[in-house]
Amino acid sequence: MAENKQASEGLAEDLIRSMVQTASIELHLKTLVEKRQSEMDNGLIDTNDFNRVNEQIDVLKNLKEELFEVTEQRRQDMRTLFDLFEGKGDKEQWCIVKHAAMAMYTAFEAWQASDNDRLLYQICIEKNAYFIKKITQFTGVPITECASCFSDMMKGAIDDEG
């Protein structure tokens, strides 16, 4: 795969960020699907108002379709990232990487929503470290917590190969 010369942080980091953000979208869409379904299941939608029921069904259908699209986008990011390193990594880490990415970003959002809570910050940092560990196993290359260091390492590896 060609090097992404336009990205300051390198192709691998861009794919990692894309995968994490797409997984976060996936999680939010899942929450919206559950919310809409719960509204219907728990009588929060007046079943005598057929227009409202049909509207809710349409929204739910569209959310599910969007969720399936976003899930496939995340899978494509993960396949591309794995293939970028020519299968050197451990593909059995796939689901763990996906869940670690979601946990990391959810912890970040919890800290972000807090008033700079120290415990939530620590949890966020710990989740990030675990994600880095798992993405390293998944790709088969050392991923660092510092984007600049990672990019520099990757450029060095590319120069050594070329």
N, C-alpha and C. Protein backbone atom coordinates (compact mmCIF):
# COMPACT_ATOMS: atom_id res chain seq x y z
N MET A 1 0.86 -1.17 0.00
CA MET A 1 0.00 0.00 0.00
C MET A 1 0.90 1.23 0.00
N ALA A 2 0.53 2.26 -0.73
CA ALA A 2 1.33 3.46 -0.84
C ALA A 2 1.30 4.27 0.45
N GLU A 3 2.42 4.93 0.72
CA GLU A 3 2.50 5.79 1.89
C GLU A 3 1.61 7.01 1.68
N ASN A 4 0.94 7.44 2.73
CA ASN A 4 0.08 8.61 2.67
C ASN A 4 0.95 9.85 2.90
N LYS A 5 1.47 10.43 1.83
CA LYS A 5 2.38 11.56 1.96
C LYS A 5 1.66 12.84 2.35
N GLN A 6 0.33 12.87 2.22
CA GLN A 6 -0.44 14.06 2.56
C GLN A 6 -0.77 14.15 4.05
N ALA A 7 -0.62 13.07 4.78
CA ALA A 7 -1.01 13.05 6.19
C ALA A 7 0.20 13.28 7.07
N SER A 8 0.06 14.21 7.99
CA SER A 8 1.19 14.53 8.86
C SER A 8 1.47 13.40 9.84
N GLU A 9 0.47 12.59 10.14
CA GLU A 9 0.65 11.55 11.15
C GLU A 9 0.80 10.16 10.55
N GLY A 10 0.78 10.08 9.24
CA GLY A 10 0.99 8.80 8.59
C GLY A 10 -0.29 8.03 8.37
N LEU A 11 -0.23 7.16 7.41
CA LEU A 11 -1.39 6.38 6.99
C LEU A 11 -1.92 5.48 8.09
N ALA A 12 -1.04 4.79 8.80
CA ALA A 12 -1.50 3.87 9.85
C ALA A 12 -2.24 4.63 10.94
N GLU A 13 -1.68 5.74 11.37
CA GLU A 13 -2.37 6.51 12.42
C GLU A 13 -3.70 7.04 11.91
N ASP A 14 -3.75 7.48 10.67
CA ASP A 14 -5.02 7.95 10.11
C ASP A 14 -6.07 6.83 10.12
N LEU A 15 -5.65 5.62 9.76
CA LEU A 15 -6.58 4.49 9.76
C LEU A 15 -7.03 4.13 11.18
N ILE A 16 -6.10 4.20 12.13
CA ILE A 16 -6.47 3.93 13.52
C ILE A 16 -7.48 4.95 14.00
N ARG A 17 -7.22 6.23 13.74
CA ARG A 17 -8.16 7.28 14.14
C ARG A 17 -9.52 7.10 13.45
N SER A 18 -9.49 6.78 12.18
CA SER A 18 -10.74 6.57 11.44
C SER A 18 -11.52 5.41 12.03
N MET A 19 -10.83 4.32 12.34
CA MET A 19 -11.49 3.15 12.92
C MET A 19 -12.10 3.49 14.28
N VAL A 20 -11.35 4.19 15.12
CA VAL A 20 -11.86 4.55 16.46
C VAL A 20 -13.07 5.47 16.34
N GLN A 21 -12.99 6.47 15.48
CA GLN A 21 -14.11 7.39 15.33
C GLN A 21 -15.33 6.69 14.73
N THR A 22 -15.10 5.81 13.77
CA THR A 22 -16.21 5.08 13.16
C THR A 22 -16.84 4.13 14.17
N ALA A 23 -16.03 3.49 15.00
CA ALA A 23 -16.56 2.63 16.07
C ALA A 23 -17.39 3.45 17.05
N SER A 24 -16.97 4.68 17.30
CA SER A 24 -17.73 5.57 18.20
C SER A 24 -19.08 5.94 17.58
N ILE A 25 -19.09 6.21 16.29
CA ILE A 25 -20.35 6.48 15.59
C ILE A 25 -21.25 5.25 15.68
N GLU A 26 -20.65 4.10 15.47
CA GLU A 26 -21.38 2.83 15.54
C GLU A 26 -22.05 2.68 16.92
N LEU A 27 -21.32 2.98 17.97
CA LEU A 27 -21.86 2.88 19.32
C LEU A 27 -23.01 3.85 19.55
N HIS A 28 -22.86 5.08 19.06
CA HIS A 28 -23.93 6.07 19.21
C HIS A 28 -25.18 5.66 18.41
N LEU A 29 -24.99 5.14 17.22
CA LEU A 29 -26.15 4.68 16.43
C LEU A 29 -26.84 3.51 17.13
N LYS A 30 -26.06 2.60 17.69
CA LYS A 30 -26.64 1.48 18.44
C LYS A 30 -27.49 2.01 19.59
N THR A 31 -27.00 3.02 20.28
CA THR A 31 -27.75 3.63 21.38
C THR A 31 -29.06 4.24 20.89
N LEU A 32 -29.02 4.91 19.75
CA LEU A 32 -30.24 5.50 19.19
C LEU A 32 -31.24 4.43 18.78
N VAL A 33 -30.76 3.34 18.20
CA VAL A 33 -31.65 2.23 17.84
C VAL A 33 -32.32 1.69 19.10
N GLU A 34 -31.53 1.47 20.13
CA GLU A 34 -32.07 0.94 21.39
C GLU A 34 -33.09 1.90 22.01
N LYS A 35 -32.79 3.20 21.94
CA LYS A 35 -33.71 4.21 22.49
C LYS A 35 -35.04 4.17 21.76
N ARG A 36 -34.99 4.20 20.43
CA ARG A 36 -36.23 4.20 19.63
C ARG A 36 -37.01 2.91 19.84
N GLN A 37 -36.32 1.78 19.90
CA GLN A 37 -36.99 0.51 20.12
C GLN A 37 -37.63 0.48 21.51
N SER A 38 -36.92 0.98 22.50
CA SER A 38 -37.43 1.03 23.87
C SER A 38 -38.68 1.90 23.97
N GLU A 39 -38.68 3.02 23.25
CA GLU A 39 -39.86 3.89 23.24
C GLU A 39 -41.09 3.13 22.73
N MET A 40 -40.88 2.32 21.71
CA MET A 40 -42.00 1.54 21.16
C MET A 40 -42.39 0.42 22.12
N ASP A 41 -41.41 -0.29 22.65
CA ASP A 41 -41.68 -1.44 23.52
C ASP A 41 -42.33 -1.05 24.85
N ASN A 42 -42.03 0.15 25.33
CA ASN A 42 -42.49 0.57 26.65
C ASN A 42 -43.65 1.56 26.61
N GLY A 43 -44.31 1.64 25.46
CA GLY A 43 -45.52 2.44 25.36
C GLY A 43 -45.31 3.94 25.39
N LEU A 44 -44.11 4.40 25.07
CA LEU A 44 -43.86 5.83 25.03
C LEU A 44 -44.34 6.46 23.72
N ILE A 45 -44.75 5.62 22.80
CA ILE A 45 -45.34 6.06 21.54
C ILE A 45 -46.81 5.64 21.58
N ASP A 46 -47.67 6.59 21.36
CA ASP A 46 -49.12 6.32 21.37
C ASP A 46 -49.45 5.41 20.19
N THR A 47 -49.80 4.17 20.49
CA THR A 47 -50.08 3.20 19.43
C THR A 47 -51.36 3.51 18.66
N ASN A 48 -52.17 4.43 19.18
CA ASN A 48 -53.38 4.85 18.46
C ASN A 48 -53.07 5.92 17.42
N ASP A 49 -51.90 6.52 17.52
CA ASP A 49 -51.48 7.55 16.56
C ASP A 49 -50.64 6.85 15.48
N PHE A 50 -51.35 6.38 14.44
CA PHE A 50 -50.69 5.59 13.40
C PHE A 50 -49.60 6.36 12.68
N ASN A 51 -49.78 7.67 12.50
CA ASN A 51 -48.74 8.47 11.86
C ASN A 51 -47.47 8.46 12.70
N ARG A 52 -47.63 8.63 14.00
CA ARG A 52 -46.48 8.65 14.91
C ARG A 52 -45.79 7.28 14.96
N VAL A 53 -46.59 6.22 14.99
CA VAL A 53 -46.03 4.86 15.00
C VAL A 53 -45.25 4.60 13.71
N ASN A 54 -45.84 4.96 12.57
CA ASN A 54 -45.16 4.76 11.29
C ASN A 54 -43.89 5.60 11.19
N GLU A 55 -43.96 6.81 11.70
CA GLU A 55 -42.77 7.68 11.72
C GLU A 55 -41.66 7.03 12.55
N GLN A 56 -42.02 6.50 13.70
CA GLN A 56 -41.05 5.85 14.58
C GLN A 56 -40.45 4.62 13.91
N ILE A 57 -41.29 3.84 13.24
CA ILE A 57 -40.82 2.65 12.53
C ILE A 57 -39.85 3.04 11.42
N ASP A 58 -40.18 4.11 10.69
CA ASP A 58 -39.29 4.59 9.61
C ASP A 58 -37.95 5.06 10.17
N VAL A 59 -38.00 5.82 11.27
CA VAL A 59 -36.76 6.30 11.89
C VAL A 59 -35.91 5.11 12.34
N LEU A 60 -36.54 4.15 12.97
CA LEU A 60 -35.83 2.96 13.45
C LEU A 60 -35.21 2.19 12.29
N LYS A 61 -35.96 2.03 11.21
CA LYS A 61 -35.45 1.33 10.02
C LYS A 61 -34.23 2.07 9.45
N ASN A 62 -34.33 3.40 9.34
CA ASN A 62 -33.22 4.19 8.81
C ASN A 62 -31.99 4.13 9.71
N LEU A 63 -32.21 4.17 11.02
CA LEU A 63 -31.09 4.08 11.96
C LEU A 63 -30.39 2.73 11.83
N LYS A 64 -31.16 1.67 11.69
CA LYS A 64 -30.57 0.33 11.54
C LYS A 64 -29.76 0.24 10.25
N GLU A 65 -30.29 0.79 9.16
CA GLU A 65 -29.56 0.78 7.89
C GLU A 65 -28.26 1.57 8.01
N GLU A 66 -28.34 2.72 8.66
CA GLU A 66 -27.13 3.53 8.86
C GLU A 66 -26.12 2.79 9.73
N LEU A 67 -26.62 2.11 10.77
CA LEU A 67 -25.74 1.34 11.64
C LEU A 67 -25.01 0.26 10.85
N PHE A 68 -25.72 -0.45 9.97
CA PHE A 68 -25.08 -1.48 9.16
C PHE A 68 -24.02 -0.88 8.24
N GLU A 69 -24.30 0.29 7.65
CA GLU A 69 -23.33 0.97 6.78
C GLU A 69 -22.08 1.35 7.56
N VAL A 70 -22.27 1.95 8.72
CA VAL A 70 -21.14 2.40 9.54
C VAL A 70 -20.33 1.20 10.04
N THR A 71 -21.01 0.13 10.39
CA THR A 71 -20.30 -1.08 10.82
C THR A 71 -19.39 -1.59 9.71
N GLU A 72 -19.89 -1.60 8.49
CA GLU A 72 -19.07 -2.05 7.37
C GLU A 72 -17.89 -1.10 7.14
N GLN A 73 -18.09 0.20 7.32
CA GLN A 73 -16.99 1.15 7.19
C GLN A 73 -15.90 0.88 8.22
N ARG A 74 -16.31 0.60 9.47
CA ARG A 74 -15.34 0.29 10.52
C ARG A 74 -14.59 -0.99 10.20
N ARG A 75 -15.32 -1.99 9.72
CA ARG A 75 -14.67 -3.24 9.34
C ARG A 75 -13.64 -3.02 8.23
N GLN A 76 -13.99 -2.18 7.26
CA GLN A 76 -13.07 -1.88 6.17
C GLN A 76 -11.81 -1.19 6.70
N ASP A 77 -11.98 -0.25 7.62
CA ASP A 77 -10.82 0.39 8.24
C ASP A 77 -9.92 -0.65 8.90
N MET A 78 -10.54 -1.57 9.63
CA MET A 78 -9.77 -2.59 10.34
C MET A 78 -9.07 -3.55 9.38
N ARG A 79 -9.77 -3.95 8.32
CA ARG A 79 -9.14 -4.83 7.32
C ARG A 79 -7.96 -4.12 6.66
N THR A 80 -8.17 -2.86 6.30
CA THR A 80 -7.12 -2.10 5.64
C THR A 80 -5.92 -1.91 6.56
N LEU A 81 -6.18 -1.61 7.82
CA LEU A 81 -5.10 -1.45 8.80
C LEU A 81 -4.33 -2.76 8.97
N PHE A 82 -5.04 -3.86 9.11
CA PHE A 82 -4.37 -5.17 9.26
C PHE A 82 -3.53 -5.48 8.03
N ASP A 83 -4.09 -5.25 6.85
CA ASP A 83 -3.40 -5.55 5.59
C ASP A 83 -2.22 -4.61 5.34
N LEU A 84 -2.28 -3.41 5.90
CA LEU A 84 -1.20 -2.44 5.73
C LEU A 84 0.13 -3.02 6.18
N PHE A 85 0.08 -3.86 7.20
CA PHE A 85 1.30 -4.46 7.73
C PHE A 85 1.46 -5.91 7.28
N GLU A 86 0.84 -6.22 6.15
CA GLU A 86 1.00 -7.49 5.44
C GLU A 86 0.75 -8.71 6.33
N GLY A 87 -0.24 -8.60 7.19
CA GLY A 87 -0.64 -9.74 8.01
C GLY A 87 0.34 -10.13 9.09
N LYS A 88 1.22 -9.20 9.50
CA LYS A 88 2.21 -9.50 10.55
C LYS A 88 1.56 -9.64 11.92
N GLY A 89 0.37 -9.08 12.07
CA GLY A 89 -0.26 -9.03 13.38
C GLY A 89 -1.11 -10.25 13.69
N ASP A 90 -1.82 -10.14 14.79
CA ASP A 90 -2.67 -11.22 15.30
C ASP A 90 -4.13 -10.85 15.04
N LYS A 91 -4.71 -11.47 14.02
CA LYS A 91 -6.08 -11.15 13.63
C LYS A 91 -7.09 -11.56 14.70
N GLU A 92 -6.70 -12.45 15.62
CA GLU A 92 -7.59 -12.83 16.71
C GLU A 92 -7.85 -11.67 17.67
N GLN A 93 -7.07 -10.61 17.56
CA GLN A 93 -7.27 -9.42 18.40
C GLN A 93 -8.39 -8.52 17.86
N TRP A 94 -8.96 -8.88 16.70
CA TRP A 94 -9.95 -8.05 16.00
C TRP A 94 -11.02 -7.50 16.94
N CYS A 95 -11.77 -8.37 17.58
CA CYS A 95 -12.89 -7.93 18.42
C CYS A 95 -12.41 -7.18 19.66
N ILE A 96 -11.28 -7.62 20.21
CA ILE A 96 -10.75 -6.93 21.38
C ILE A 96 -10.36 -5.50 21.00
N VAL A 97 -9.73 -5.34 19.85
CA VAL A 97 -9.36 -3.99 19.37
C VAL A 97 -10.60 -3.13 19.20
N LYS A 98 -11.63 -3.70 18.59
CA LYS A 98 -12.88 -2.96 18.39
C LYS A 98 -13.45 -2.49 19.73
N HIS A 99 -13.56 -3.39 20.68
CA HIS A 99 -14.14 -3.04 21.98
C HIS A 99 -13.22 -2.12 22.78
N ALA A 100 -11.92 -2.33 22.69
CA ALA A 100 -10.98 -1.45 23.38
C ALA A 100 -11.05 -0.03 22.81
N ALA A 101 -11.23 0.08 21.50
CA ALA A 101 -11.38 1.40 20.87
C ALA A 101 -12.62 2.11 21.39
N MET A 102 -13.73 1.37 21.46
CA MET A 102 -14.97 1.96 21.96
C MET A 102 -14.85 2.34 23.44
N ALA A 103 -14.23 1.47 24.23
CA ALA A 103 -14.05 1.76 25.66
C ALA A 103 -13.16 2.98 25.86
N MET A 104 -12.09 3.05 25.07
CA MET A 104 -11.17 4.18 25.17
C MET A 104 -11.89 5.49 24.87
N TYR A 105 -12.64 5.51 23.79
CA TYR A 105 -13.29 6.76 23.41
C TYR A 105 -14.43 7.11 24.35
N THR A 106 -15.15 6.12 24.85
CA THR A 106 -16.22 6.38 25.81
C THR A 106 -15.64 6.94 27.10
N ALA A 107 -14.51 6.39 27.54
CA ALA A 107 -13.84 6.92 28.74
C ALA A 107 -13.38 8.35 28.51
N PHE A 108 -12.88 8.63 27.31
CA PHE A 108 -12.47 9.99 26.97
C PHE A 108 -13.67 10.94 27.05
N GLU A 109 -14.80 10.53 26.50
CA GLU A 109 -15.99 11.38 26.54
C GLU A 109 -16.48 11.60 27.97
N ALA A 110 -16.37 10.57 28.82
CA ALA A 110 -16.76 10.73 30.23
C ALA A 110 -15.86 11.77 30.91
N TRP A 111 -14.56 11.67 30.68
CA TRP A 111 -13.64 12.65 31.27
C TRP A 111 -13.92 14.04 30.68
N GLN A 112 -14.13 14.11 29.39
CA GLN A 112 -14.39 15.37 28.71
C GLN A 112 -15.64 16.05 29.26
N ALA A 113 -16.65 15.25 29.59
CA ALA A 113 -17.91 15.80 30.11
C ALA A 113 -17.81 16.18 31.59
N SER A 114 -16.77 15.70 32.25
CA SER A 114 -16.60 16.01 33.67
C SER A 114 -15.96 17.38 33.83
N ASP A 115 -15.86 17.79 35.06
CA ASP A 115 -15.16 19.04 35.37
C ASP A 115 -13.69 18.72 35.61
N ASN A 116 -13.07 18.10 34.61
CA ASN A 116 -11.67 17.70 34.67
C ASN A 116 -11.40 16.76 35.84
N ASP A 117 -12.30 15.79 36.02
CA ASP A 117 -12.20 14.83 37.12
C ASP A 117 -10.92 14.00 36.98
N ARG A 118 -10.12 13.96 38.03
CA ARG A 118 -8.83 13.27 38.00
C ARG A 118 -8.98 11.76 37.83
N LEU A 119 -9.96 11.18 38.51
CA LEU A 119 -10.17 9.74 38.39
C LEU A 119 -10.61 9.37 36.97
N LEU A 120 -11.53 10.15 36.40
CA LEU A 120 -11.96 9.88 35.03
C LEU A 120 -10.81 10.06 34.04
N TYR A 121 -9.94 11.03 34.31
CA TYR A 121 -8.76 11.22 33.46
C TYR A 121 -7.86 9.99 33.54
N GLN A 122 -7.64 9.48 34.74
CA GLN A 122 -6.80 8.30 34.92
C GLN A 122 -7.41 7.09 34.21
N ILE A 123 -8.71 6.93 34.33
CA ILE A 123 -9.40 5.83 33.64
C ILE A 123 -9.21 5.96 32.14
N CYS A 124 -9.34 7.17 31.64
CA CYS A 124 -9.16 7.45 30.21
C CYS A 124 -7.75 7.05 29.76
N ILE A 125 -6.75 7.43 30.53
CA ILE A 125 -5.35 7.11 30.20
C ILE A 125 -5.12 5.60 30.22
N GLU A 126 -5.69 4.92 31.22
CA GLU A 126 -5.53 3.47 31.31
C GLU A 126 -6.20 2.75 30.13
N LYS A 127 -7.37 3.22 29.74
CA LYS A 127 -8.06 2.62 28.59
C LYS A 127 -7.25 2.85 27.31
N ASN A 128 -6.66 4.03 27.19
CA ASN A 128 -5.84 4.34 26.03
C ASN A 128 -4.62 3.42 25.97
N ALA A 129 -3.97 3.20 27.11
CA ALA A 129 -2.80 2.33 27.15
C ALA A 129 -3.17 0.90 26.75
N TYR A 130 -4.31 0.44 27.22
CA TYR A 130 -4.75 -0.91 26.86
C TYR A 130 -5.04 -0.99 25.35
N PHE A 131 -5.70 0.04 24.82
CA PHE A 131 -5.97 0.07 23.38
C PHE A 131 -4.66 0.03 22.59
N ILE A 132 -3.68 0.81 22.99
CA ILE A 132 -2.38 0.83 22.31
C ILE A 132 -1.77 -0.58 22.32
N LYS A 133 -1.84 -1.24 23.46
CA LYS A 133 -1.31 -2.60 23.58
C LYS A 133 -2.01 -3.54 22.59
N LYS A 134 -3.33 -3.47 22.51
CA LYS A 134 -4.09 -4.38 21.66
C LYS A 134 -3.91 -4.05 20.18
N ILE A 135 -3.84 -2.77 19.84
CA ILE A 135 -3.67 -2.40 18.43
C ILE A 135 -2.26 -2.80 17.97
N THR A 136 -1.29 -2.77 18.88
CA THR A 136 0.06 -3.24 18.58
C THR A 136 0.04 -4.73 18.25
N GLN A 137 -0.68 -5.51 19.05
CA GLN A 137 -0.78 -6.95 18.79
C GLN A 137 -1.53 -7.20 17.48
N PHE A 138 -2.56 -6.43 17.22
CA PHE A 138 -3.37 -6.60 16.02
C PHE A 138 -2.56 -6.31 14.75
N THR A 139 -1.78 -5.24 14.78
CA THR A 139 -1.02 -4.86 13.59
C THR A 139 0.32 -5.58 13.47
N GLY A 140 0.86 -6.01 14.61
CA GLY A 140 2.16 -6.66 14.60
C GLY A 140 3.32 -5.68 14.56
N VAL A 141 3.03 -4.41 14.75
CA VAL A 141 4.08 -3.40 14.81
C VAL A 141 3.89 -2.59 16.09
N PRO A 142 4.99 -2.08 16.65
CA PRO A 142 4.85 -1.31 17.89
C PRO A 142 4.15 0.02 17.63
N ILE A 143 3.03 0.21 18.29
CA ILE A 143 2.30 1.46 18.21
C ILE A 143 2.62 2.21 19.50
N THR A 144 2.99 3.47 19.38
CA THR A 144 3.31 4.26 20.57
C THR A 144 2.15 5.18 20.90
N GLU A 145 2.13 5.66 22.14
CA GLU A 145 1.07 6.58 22.55
C GLU A 145 1.27 7.96 21.94
N CYS A 146 2.48 8.25 21.54
CA CYS A 146 2.79 9.56 20.96
C CYS A 146 2.68 9.46 19.44
N ALA A 147 1.79 10.24 18.87
CA ALA A 147 1.57 10.20 17.42
C ALA A 147 2.83 10.55 16.64
N SER A 148 3.56 11.55 17.10
CA SER A 148 4.77 11.96 16.39
C SER A 148 5.82 10.86 16.43
N CYS A 149 5.97 10.20 17.60
CA CYS A 149 6.93 9.11 17.71
C CYS A 149 6.54 7.96 16.80
N PHE A 150 5.25 7.63 16.78
CA PHE A 150 4.77 6.53 15.94
C PHE A 150 5.05 6.85 14.48
N SER A 151 4.73 8.05 14.06
CA SER A 151 4.94 8.45 12.67
C SER A 151 6.43 8.37 12.33
N ASP A 152 7.27 8.84 13.23
CA ASP A 152 8.71 8.82 13.01
C ASP A 152 9.22 7.38 12.90
N MET A 153 8.72 6.50 13.78
CA MET A 153 9.11 5.09 13.73
C MET A 153 8.71 4.47 12.40
N MET A 154 7.49 4.78 11.94
CA MET A 154 7.01 4.21 10.69
C MET A 154 7.83 4.71 9.51
N LYS A 155 8.18 5.99 9.52
CA LYS A 155 9.00 6.53 8.44
C LYS A 155 10.37 5.87 8.43
N GLY A 156 10.91 5.62 9.62
CA GLY A 156 12.20 4.92 9.72
C GLY A 156 12.11 3.51 9.18
N ALA A 157 11.03 2.82 9.48
CA ALA A 157 10.84 1.45 9.00
C ALA A 157 10.69 1.43 7.49
N ILE A 158 9.98 2.40 6.94
CA ILE A 158 9.80 2.48 5.49
C ILE A 158 11.13 2.77 4.81
N ASP A 159 11.93 3.70 5.41
CA ASP A 159 13.24 4.02 4.84
C ASP A 159 14.17 2.81 4.88
N ASP A 160 14.10 2.02 5.97
CA ASP A 160 14.94 0.83 6.09
C ASP A 160 14.59 -0.21 5.05
N GLU A 161 13.30 -0.32 4.71
CA GLU A 161 12.84 -1.31 3.74
C GLU A 161 13.15 -0.88 2.31
N GLY A 162 13.11 0.44 2.07
CA GLY A 162 13.22 0.94 0.71
C GLY A 162 14.57 1.25 0.34
